Amino acid sequence: MTRKFIPVDEAFREWEKGPKFQVAYDALEDECALATAMSTTQAVVARLESGRIMPSTRTIEPFAKTTGMKPRISFEPVPRDQPQRPSNAIQRSPESRRHAG
């Protein structure tokens, strides 16, 4: 079997003609600019924007400042008819709480 190799510059010229390439490239430029302003990496910004991670306040604060926003964390009551998610917190007995100091 013989393979035909396409020079990288030739392949790139074809790829950059597509509309998906331009959209992805523009998004990457925006992420890089935001990352630079936040003093972080483009990968951190990409993870934030994807919503796949739970960012720390250490990450949220520069993101908010750079985008002209103010971070706000709030606790809201859950309606009684909605199922409660189990807590990952360690349950302490009343006895252990007395000795915790």
Protein backbone atom coordinates (compact mmCIF):
# COMPACT_ATOMS: atom_id res chain seq x y z
CA MET A 1 0.00 0.00 0.00
CA THR A 2 1.34 3.40 -0.96
CA ARG A 3 0.44 6.46 1.05
CA LYS A 4 0.28 9.94 -0.34
CA PHE A 5 1.73 12.52 2.02
CA ILE A 6 0.41 16.05 1.84
CA PRO A 7 2.80 18.80 2.94
CA VAL A 8 1.62 20.50 6.14
CA ASP A 9 1.43 23.97 4.60
CA GLU A 10 -0.75 22.63 1.79
CA ALA A 11 -3.08 20.84 4.24
CA PHE A 12 -3.30 23.94 6.42
CA ARG A 13 -4.32 26.13 3.46
CA GLU A 14 -7.20 23.70 2.83
CA TRP A 15 -8.25 23.55 6.48
CA GLU A 16 -8.27 27.32 6.98
CA LYS A 17 -10.77 27.75 4.15
CA GLY A 18 -13.47 25.94 6.11
CA PRO A 19 -15.96 27.91 8.24
CA LYS A 20 -15.45 25.62 11.25
CA PHE A 21 -11.74 26.44 11.26
CA GLN A 22 -12.36 30.20 11.42
CA VAL A 23 -14.88 29.86 14.27
CA ALA A 24 -12.49 27.64 16.24
CA TYR A 25 -9.54 29.94 15.52
CA ASP A 26 -11.46 33.04 16.64
CA ALA A 27 -12.52 31.30 19.85
CA LEU A 28 -8.93 30.27 20.51
CA GLU A 29 -7.72 33.85 19.98
CA ASP A 30 -10.36 35.07 22.48
CA GLU A 31 -9.30 32.42 24.99
CA CYS A 32 -5.63 33.35 24.57
CA ALA A 33 -6.37 37.06 25.08
CA LEU A 34 -8.43 36.32 28.19
CA ALA A 35 -5.74 33.97 29.52
CA THR A 36 -3.07 36.62 29.04
CA ALA A 37 -5.18 39.21 30.86
CA MET A 38 -5.76 36.72 33.70
CA SER A 39 -2.07 35.73 33.85
CA THR A 40 -2.94 32.10 33.20
CA THR A 41 -2.98 29.66 30.28
CA GLN A 42 -5.42 29.19 27.44
CA ALA A 43 -6.08 25.65 28.71
CA VAL A 44 -7.39 27.02 32.04
CA VAL A 45 -9.74 29.40 30.22
CA ALA A 46 -10.94 26.59 27.92
CA ARG A 47 -11.77 24.41 30.94
CA LEU A 48 -13.63 27.30 32.59
CA GLU A 49 -15.66 28.07 29.49
CA SER A 50 -16.51 24.43 28.87
CA GLY A 51 -18.22 24.05 32.25
CA ARG A 52 -16.60 20.65 32.78
CA ILE A 53 -14.79 21.69 35.96
CA MET A 54 -15.68 23.19 39.32
CA PRO A 55 -13.33 26.18 39.51
CA SER A 56 -11.91 27.43 42.78
CA THR A 57 -12.38 30.99 43.98
CA ARG A 58 -8.70 31.49 43.19
CA THR A 59 -9.62 30.92 39.52
CA ILE A 60 -12.99 32.66 39.56
CA GLU A 61 -11.72 35.96 40.99
CA PRO A 62 -9.28 36.84 38.16
CA PHE A 63 -11.79 35.60 35.56
CA ALA A 64 -14.47 37.90 37.00
CA LYS A 65 -12.10 40.87 37.30
CA THR A 66 -10.83 40.46 33.73
CA THR A 67 -14.36 40.22 32.32
CA GLY A 68 -15.63 43.20 34.33
CA MET A 69 -17.77 41.11 36.65
CA LYS A 70 -18.05 40.64 40.40
CA PRO A 71 -18.12 37.04 41.64
CA ARG A 72 -20.96 36.08 43.95
CA ILE A 73 -21.45 32.78 45.71
CA SER A 74 -24.83 32.22 47.31
CA PHE A 75 -26.72 29.51 49.11
CA GLU A 76 -30.37 29.04 48.27
CA PRO A 77 -32.87 26.75 50.00
CA VAL A 78 -33.86 23.61 48.14
CA PRO A 79 -37.64 23.15 47.85
CA ARG A 80 -38.85 20.31 50.07
CA ASP A 81 -40.32 18.41 47.11
CA GLN A 82 -36.92 18.11 45.39
CA PRO A 83 -34.72 15.15 46.33
CA GLN A 84 -31.66 16.07 48.38
CA ARG A 85 -28.24 15.09 47.09
CA PRO A 86 -26.22 13.08 49.61
CA SER A 87 -23.56 15.07 51.39
CA ASN A 88 -19.91 14.10 51.08
CA ALA A 89 -19.23 15.67 54.47
CA ILE A 90 -18.19 13.47 57.33
CA GLN A 91 -21.04 13.12 59.78
CA ARG A 92 -19.92 13.74 63.34
CA SER A 93 -21.71 12.39 66.34
CA PRO A 94 -22.82 14.82 69.07
CA GLU A 95 -20.15 13.21 71.29
CA SER A 96 -17.31 13.95 68.86
CA ARG A 97 -18.52 17.54 68.40
CA ARG A 98 -18.16 18.18 72.14
CA HIS A 99 -14.52 17.10 72.03
CA ALA A 100 -13.65 18.93 68.81
CA GLY A 101 -12.77 22.06 70.79
